[in-house]
């Protein structure tokens, strides 16, 4: 699969339908790279004309702002806005809720105005429009799946239904954790916590959340965020259930079920 960059589109005088913002985790974290590949495969299968920035992509500045370094955030954001506007970008899709949230809610105050979609919303649209079809049966047939609401997609942006509708398109059983939707529990990595040691307490947040997920009896924990993916995977290992419980991004689940 050959994925064109915005620079390559610009050089040929063409414009893609959407920019796929890969994000730092999706670019450099080996586990998150699998999510990137899965989503790109889906876009290619659906016939979507999309582009990436490639080496021109840098961090959105989200960790800097959440950690309180406003100067670094504004510098990074302004550089990104200049780059995006230079290419005439109008629509962005990303598999990272942190990138999604900051593009949607923080960039406009600096002049960065774009249509921003999280990949689960985009996947729901592709399914509803018939651009991708999920196979009946398959590796998820009859399996129990529980979905983890990431903070930046759920409580921060009130997106709860799109990920669930994608999962409901599978031939599987979707079960909810006790704390879900507006009452969902953080994975423990939000607000730049991913990059620092946790404060002292009785247990780690990700261990607590993973226990809730395992308690549903699900064999698959569906995630929508690379940070949640890391935290939940570690939590499942702490429970000693890594052989019986998989943590998968929704894009990976859909990619495995793609029909002709």
Protein backbone atom coordinates (compact mmCIF):
# COMPACT_ATOMS: atom_id res chain seq x y z
CA UNK A 1 0.00 0.00 0.00
CA UNK A 2 1.43 3.34 -1.09
CA UNK A 3 0.28 6.27 1.04
CA UNK A 4 0.83 9.69 -0.49
CA UNK A 5 1.91 12.71 1.53
CA UNK A 6 0.35 16.15 1.36
CA UNK A 7 3.55 17.33 -0.35
CA UNK A 8 3.10 14.72 -3.08
CA UNK A 9 -0.53 15.70 -3.60
CA UNK A 10 0.44 19.37 -3.77
CA UNK A 11 3.21 18.67 -6.27
CA UNK A 12 0.71 17.00 -8.62
CA UNK A 13 -1.89 19.75 -8.14
CA UNK A 14 -4.33 17.39 -6.43
CA UNK A 15 -6.19 17.62 -3.15
CA UNK A 16 -7.03 14.62 -0.91
CA UNK A 17 -10.44 14.17 0.69
CA UNK A 18 -8.97 14.04 4.16
CA UNK A 19 -5.68 14.34 6.02
CA UNK A 20 -4.92 11.37 8.27
CA UNK A 21 -3.11 12.85 11.28
CA UNK A 22 -1.09 9.91 12.56
CA UNK A 23 0.08 11.41 15.86
CA UNK A 24 3.20 10.75 17.93
CA UNK A 25 2.07 7.41 19.34
CA UNK A 26 0.80 6.18 15.98
CA UNK A 27 4.14 7.10 14.42
CA UNK A 28 6.66 5.92 16.99
CA UNK A 29 5.06 3.46 19.43
CA UNK A 30 5.34 -0.07 18.04
CA UNK A 31 1.95 -1.16 19.37
CA UNK A 32 0.19 1.98 18.14
CA UNK A 33 1.80 1.60 14.72
CA UNK A 34 -0.44 -1.45 14.23
CA UNK A 35 -3.47 0.80 14.76
CA UNK A 36 -2.13 3.23 12.17
CA UNK A 37 -1.65 0.43 9.65
CA UNK A 38 -5.12 -0.99 10.35
CA UNK A 39 -6.85 2.36 9.84
CA UNK A 40 -4.84 3.14 6.70
CA UNK A 41 -5.81 -0.28 5.33
CA UNK A 42 -9.48 0.50 5.94
CA UNK A 43 -9.22 3.89 4.23
CA UNK A 44 -7.50 2.29 1.25
CA UNK A 45 -10.11 -0.49 1.06
CA UNK A 46 -12.91 2.10 1.18
CA UNK A 47 -11.38 4.03 -1.71
CA UNK A 48 -10.81 7.18 0.35
CA UNK A 49 -8.33 9.66 -1.14
CA UNK A 50 -6.31 10.44 1.95
CA UNK A 51 -2.88 11.79 2.72
CA UNK A 52 -0.45 12.00 5.61
CA UNK A 53 2.10 14.68 6.40
CA UNK A 54 4.90 12.17 6.81
CA UNK A 55 8.12 13.74 8.06
CA UNK A 56 6.41 17.14 8.17
CA UNK A 57 4.07 16.04 10.95
CA UNK A 58 5.03 17.09 14.47
CA UNK A 59 3.34 16.85 17.87
CA UNK A 60 0.11 18.80 18.31
CA UNK A 61 1.43 20.20 21.58
CA UNK A 62 -1.26 18.51 23.66
CA UNK A 63 1.11 17.01 26.27
CA UNK A 64 2.81 20.39 26.69
CA UNK A 65 -0.47 22.24 27.32
CA UNK A 66 -1.81 19.58 29.69
CA UNK A 67 1.48 19.67 31.61
CA UNK A 68 1.25 23.46 31.87
CA UNK A 69 3.87 24.56 29.33
CA UNK A 70 1.75 27.05 27.42
CA UNK A 71 4.69 28.58 25.56
CA UNK A 72 5.72 25.27 23.99
CA UNK A 73 2.11 24.45 23.13
CA UNK A 74 1.47 27.73 21.34
CA UNK A 75 4.74 27.50 19.44
CA UNK A 76 3.98 23.97 18.24
CA UNK A 77 0.35 24.75 17.45
CA UNK A 78 1.18 27.84 15.42
CA UNK A 79 3.77 25.90 13.41
CA UNK A 80 1.19 23.19 12.71
CA UNK A 81 -1.50 25.69 11.72
CA UNK A 82 0.90 27.39 9.32
CA UNK A 83 1.72 24.01 7.74
CA UNK A 84 -1.91 22.85 7.52
CA UNK A 85 -3.16 26.15 6.12
CA UNK A 86 -0.31 26.17 3.63
CA UNK A 87 -1.63 22.91 2.20
CA UNK A 88 -5.23 24.11 2.36
CA UNK A 89 -6.26 21.32 4.74
CA UNK A 90 -9.98 21.38 5.54
CA UNK A 91 -10.70 17.96 7.01
CA UNK A 92 -8.62 15.93 9.48
CA UNK A 93 -9.15 12.42 10.83
CA UNK A 94 -7.05 10.96 13.62
CA UNK A 95 -6.96 7.77 15.67
CA UNK A 96 -5.83 9.66 18.78
CA UNK A 97 -8.50 11.31 20.98
CA UNK A 98 -5.85 13.67 22.38
CA UNK A 99 -5.00 14.97 18.90
CA UNK A 100 -8.72 15.07 18.06
CA UNK A 101 -9.58 17.05 21.17
CA UNK A 102 -6.86 19.67 20.80
CA UNK A 103 -7.54 20.21 17.08
CA UNK A 104 -11.26 20.51 17.74
CA UNK A 105 -11.27 22.61 20.91
CA UNK A 106 -7.91 24.36 21.32
CA UNK A 107 -6.62 25.17 17.83
CA UNK A 108 -9.56 27.44 16.83
CA UNK A 109 -8.52 30.04 19.42
CA UNK A 110 -5.20 30.29 17.55
CA UNK A 111 -6.81 30.46 14.11
CA UNK A 112 -6.71 26.77 13.25
CA UNK A 113 -10.21 25.92 12.06
CA UNK A 114 -10.75 22.47 10.55
CA UNK A 115 -13.36 19.75 10.34
CA UNK A 116 -11.94 17.20 12.75
CA UNK A 117 -13.14 13.60 13.09
CA UNK A 118 -12.06 10.82 15.38
CA UNK A 119 -11.46 7.59 13.50
CA UNK A 120 -14.36 5.79 15.20
CA UNK A 121 -16.79 8.42 13.90
CA UNK A 122 -15.24 8.15 10.45
CA UNK A 123 -15.54 4.35 10.57
CA UNK A 124 -19.21 4.60 11.50
CA UNK A 125 -19.78 6.90 8.53
CA UNK A 126 -18.01 4.48 6.17
CA UNK A 127 -20.17 1.60 7.40
CA UNK A 128 -23.40 3.62 7.20
CA UNK A 129 -22.55 4.77 3.65
CA UNK A 130 -21.75 1.21 2.57
CA UNK A 131 -18.15 2.06 1.71
CA UNK A 132 -16.91 -0.78 3.87
CA UNK A 133 -18.70 -4.02 4.66
CA UNK A 134 -17.98 -6.24 7.64
CA UNK A 135 -17.97 -9.99 7.10
CA UNK A 136 -20.48 -12.09 8.95
CA UNK A 137 -18.97 -14.47 11.44
CA UNK A 138 -15.22 -14.16 11.46
CA UNK A 139 -12.87 -14.16 14.43
CA UNK A 140 -15.24 -12.14 16.64
CA UNK A 141 -18.35 -14.27 16.08
CA UNK A 142 -20.03 -14.99 19.40
CA UNK A 143 -17.30 -13.29 21.42
CA UNK A 144 -17.99 -10.89 24.25
CA UNK A 145 -16.53 -7.40 23.75
CA UNK A 146 -16.44 -4.56 26.26
CA UNK A 147 -15.72 -1.00 25.21
CA UNK A 148 -13.61 1.50 27.18
CA UNK A 149 -14.69 5.15 26.88
CA UNK A 150 -11.55 7.25 26.66
CA UNK A 151 -11.82 10.55 28.53
CA UNK A 152 -10.94 12.82 25.62
CA UNK A 153 -13.46 11.22 23.28
CA UNK A 154 -16.20 10.62 25.82
CA UNK A 155 -16.51 13.18 28.60
CA UNK A 156 -14.46 15.86 26.80
CA UNK A 157 -16.32 15.64 23.48
CA UNK A 158 -19.50 13.68 24.25
CA UNK A 159 -18.84 10.98 21.64
CA UNK A 160 -20.27 7.72 22.94
CA UNK A 161 -22.46 6.23 20.23
CA UNK A 162 -20.20 6.07 17.16
CA UNK A 163 -17.70 3.55 18.61
CA UNK A 164 -20.52 1.39 19.94
CA UNK A 165 -22.38 1.42 16.63
CA UNK A 166 -19.23 0.18 14.89
CA UNK A 167 -18.91 -2.66 17.39
CA UNK A 168 -22.62 -3.46 17.12
CA UNK A 169 -22.07 -4.12 13.41
CA UNK A 170 -20.04 -7.17 14.40
CA UNK A 171 -21.48 -10.61 15.04
CA UNK A 172 -20.50 -10.29 18.70
CA UNK A 173 -21.95 -9.45 22.11
CA UNK A 174 -21.22 -5.94 23.39
CA UNK A 175 -21.22 -5.70 27.19
CA UNK A 176 -20.77 -2.56 29.26
CA UNK A 177 -18.55 -2.05 32.26
CA UNK A 178 -20.21 -0.76 35.43
CA UNK A 179 -18.57 2.63 34.92
CA UNK A 180 -19.16 3.66 31.33
CA UNK A 181 -20.19 6.58 29.13
CA UNK A 182 -20.38 9.80 31.24
CA UNK A 183 -19.36 7.79 34.32
CA UNK A 184 -16.46 6.04 32.59
CA UNK A 185 -13.20 5.66 34.50
CA UNK A 186 -9.97 7.10 33.13
CA UNK A 187 -7.26 4.68 32.02
CA UNK A 188 -4.76 6.70 34.04
CA UNK A 189 -2.82 8.33 31.18
CA UNK A 190 -4.82 11.50 30.48
CA UNK A 191 -3.77 15.05 31.26
CA UNK A 192 -0.12 14.25 30.44
CA UNK A 193 -0.08 11.52 33.12
CA UNK A 194 1.25 9.19 30.41
CA UNK A 195 4.62 10.87 30.74
CA UNK A 196 5.08 10.98 34.51
CA UNK A 197 5.03 8.69 37.50
CA UNK A 198 1.70 8.35 39.29
CA UNK A 199 1.14 9.80 42.74
CA UNK A 200 1.07 7.48 45.74
CA UNK A 201 -2.18 5.62 46.28
CA UNK A 202 -3.70 2.24 46.96
CA UNK A 203 -3.66 1.07 43.35
CA UNK A 204 -2.85 2.28 39.86
CA UNK A 205 -5.78 3.70 37.91
CA UNK A 206 -5.13 1.43 34.93
CA UNK A 207 -5.12 -1.65 37.18
CA UNK A 208 -8.51 -0.62 38.60
CA UNK A 209 -9.98 -0.01 35.15
CA UNK A 210 -8.62 -3.26 33.75
CA UNK A 211 -10.16 -5.21 36.64
CA UNK A 212 -13.53 -3.72 35.73
CA UNK A 213 -13.06 -4.73 32.09
CA UNK A 214 -11.99 -8.28 32.94
CA UNK A 215 -14.93 -8.62 35.36
CA UNK A 216 -17.39 -8.31 32.45
CA UNK A 217 -16.22 -11.69 31.16
CA UNK A 218 -15.22 -10.13 27.85
CA UNK A 219 -12.45 -11.72 25.80
CA UNK A 220 -11.84 -8.44 23.94
CA UNK A 221 -11.43 -4.95 25.37
CA UNK A 222 -12.08 -2.42 22.61
CA UNK A 223 -10.13 0.83 22.82
CA UNK A 224 -10.11 4.02 20.77
CA UNK A 225 -6.88 5.62 22.04
CA UNK A 226 -3.19 4.62 21.89
CA UNK A 227 -2.64 5.78 25.48
CA UNK A 228 -5.60 3.73 26.72
CA UNK A 229 -4.24 0.81 24.72
CA UNK A 230 -0.95 0.90 26.63
CA UNK A 231 -2.54 1.33 30.04
CA UNK A 232 -5.20 -1.35 29.57
CA UNK A 233 -2.69 -3.83 28.13
CA UNK A 234 -0.50 -3.38 31.20
CA UNK A 235 -3.55 -3.75 33.43
CA UNK A 236 -4.61 -7.00 31.77
CA UNK A 237 -1.09 -8.34 32.28
CA UNK A 238 -1.28 -7.37 35.96
CA UNK A 239 -4.47 -9.46 36.17
CA UNK A 240 -2.61 -12.38 34.57
CA UNK A 241 -5.16 -12.52 31.75
CA UNK A 242 -3.06 -11.58 28.72
CA UNK A 243 -3.58 -15.07 27.24
CA UNK A 244 -7.39 -14.90 27.41
CA UNK A 245 -8.19 -11.19 27.04
CA UNK A 246 -7.14 -9.10 24.05
CA UNK A 247 -6.93 -5.32 24.01
CA UNK A 248 -7.63 -4.08 20.48
CA UNK A 249 -8.32 -0.73 18.88
CA UNK A 250 -11.64 -0.49 17.07
CA UNK A 251 -9.78 0.06 13.78
CA UNK A 252 -7.93 -3.24 14.28
CA UNK A 253 -11.22 -5.03 14.92
CA UNK A 254 -12.81 -3.57 11.80
CA UNK A 255 -9.73 -4.29 9.65
CA UNK A 256 -9.93 -7.98 10.60
CA UNK A 257 -13.58 -8.13 9.57
CA UNK A 258 -13.40 -6.35 6.22
CA UNK A 259 -15.40 -7.97 3.47
CA UNK A 260 -14.93 -7.71 -0.28
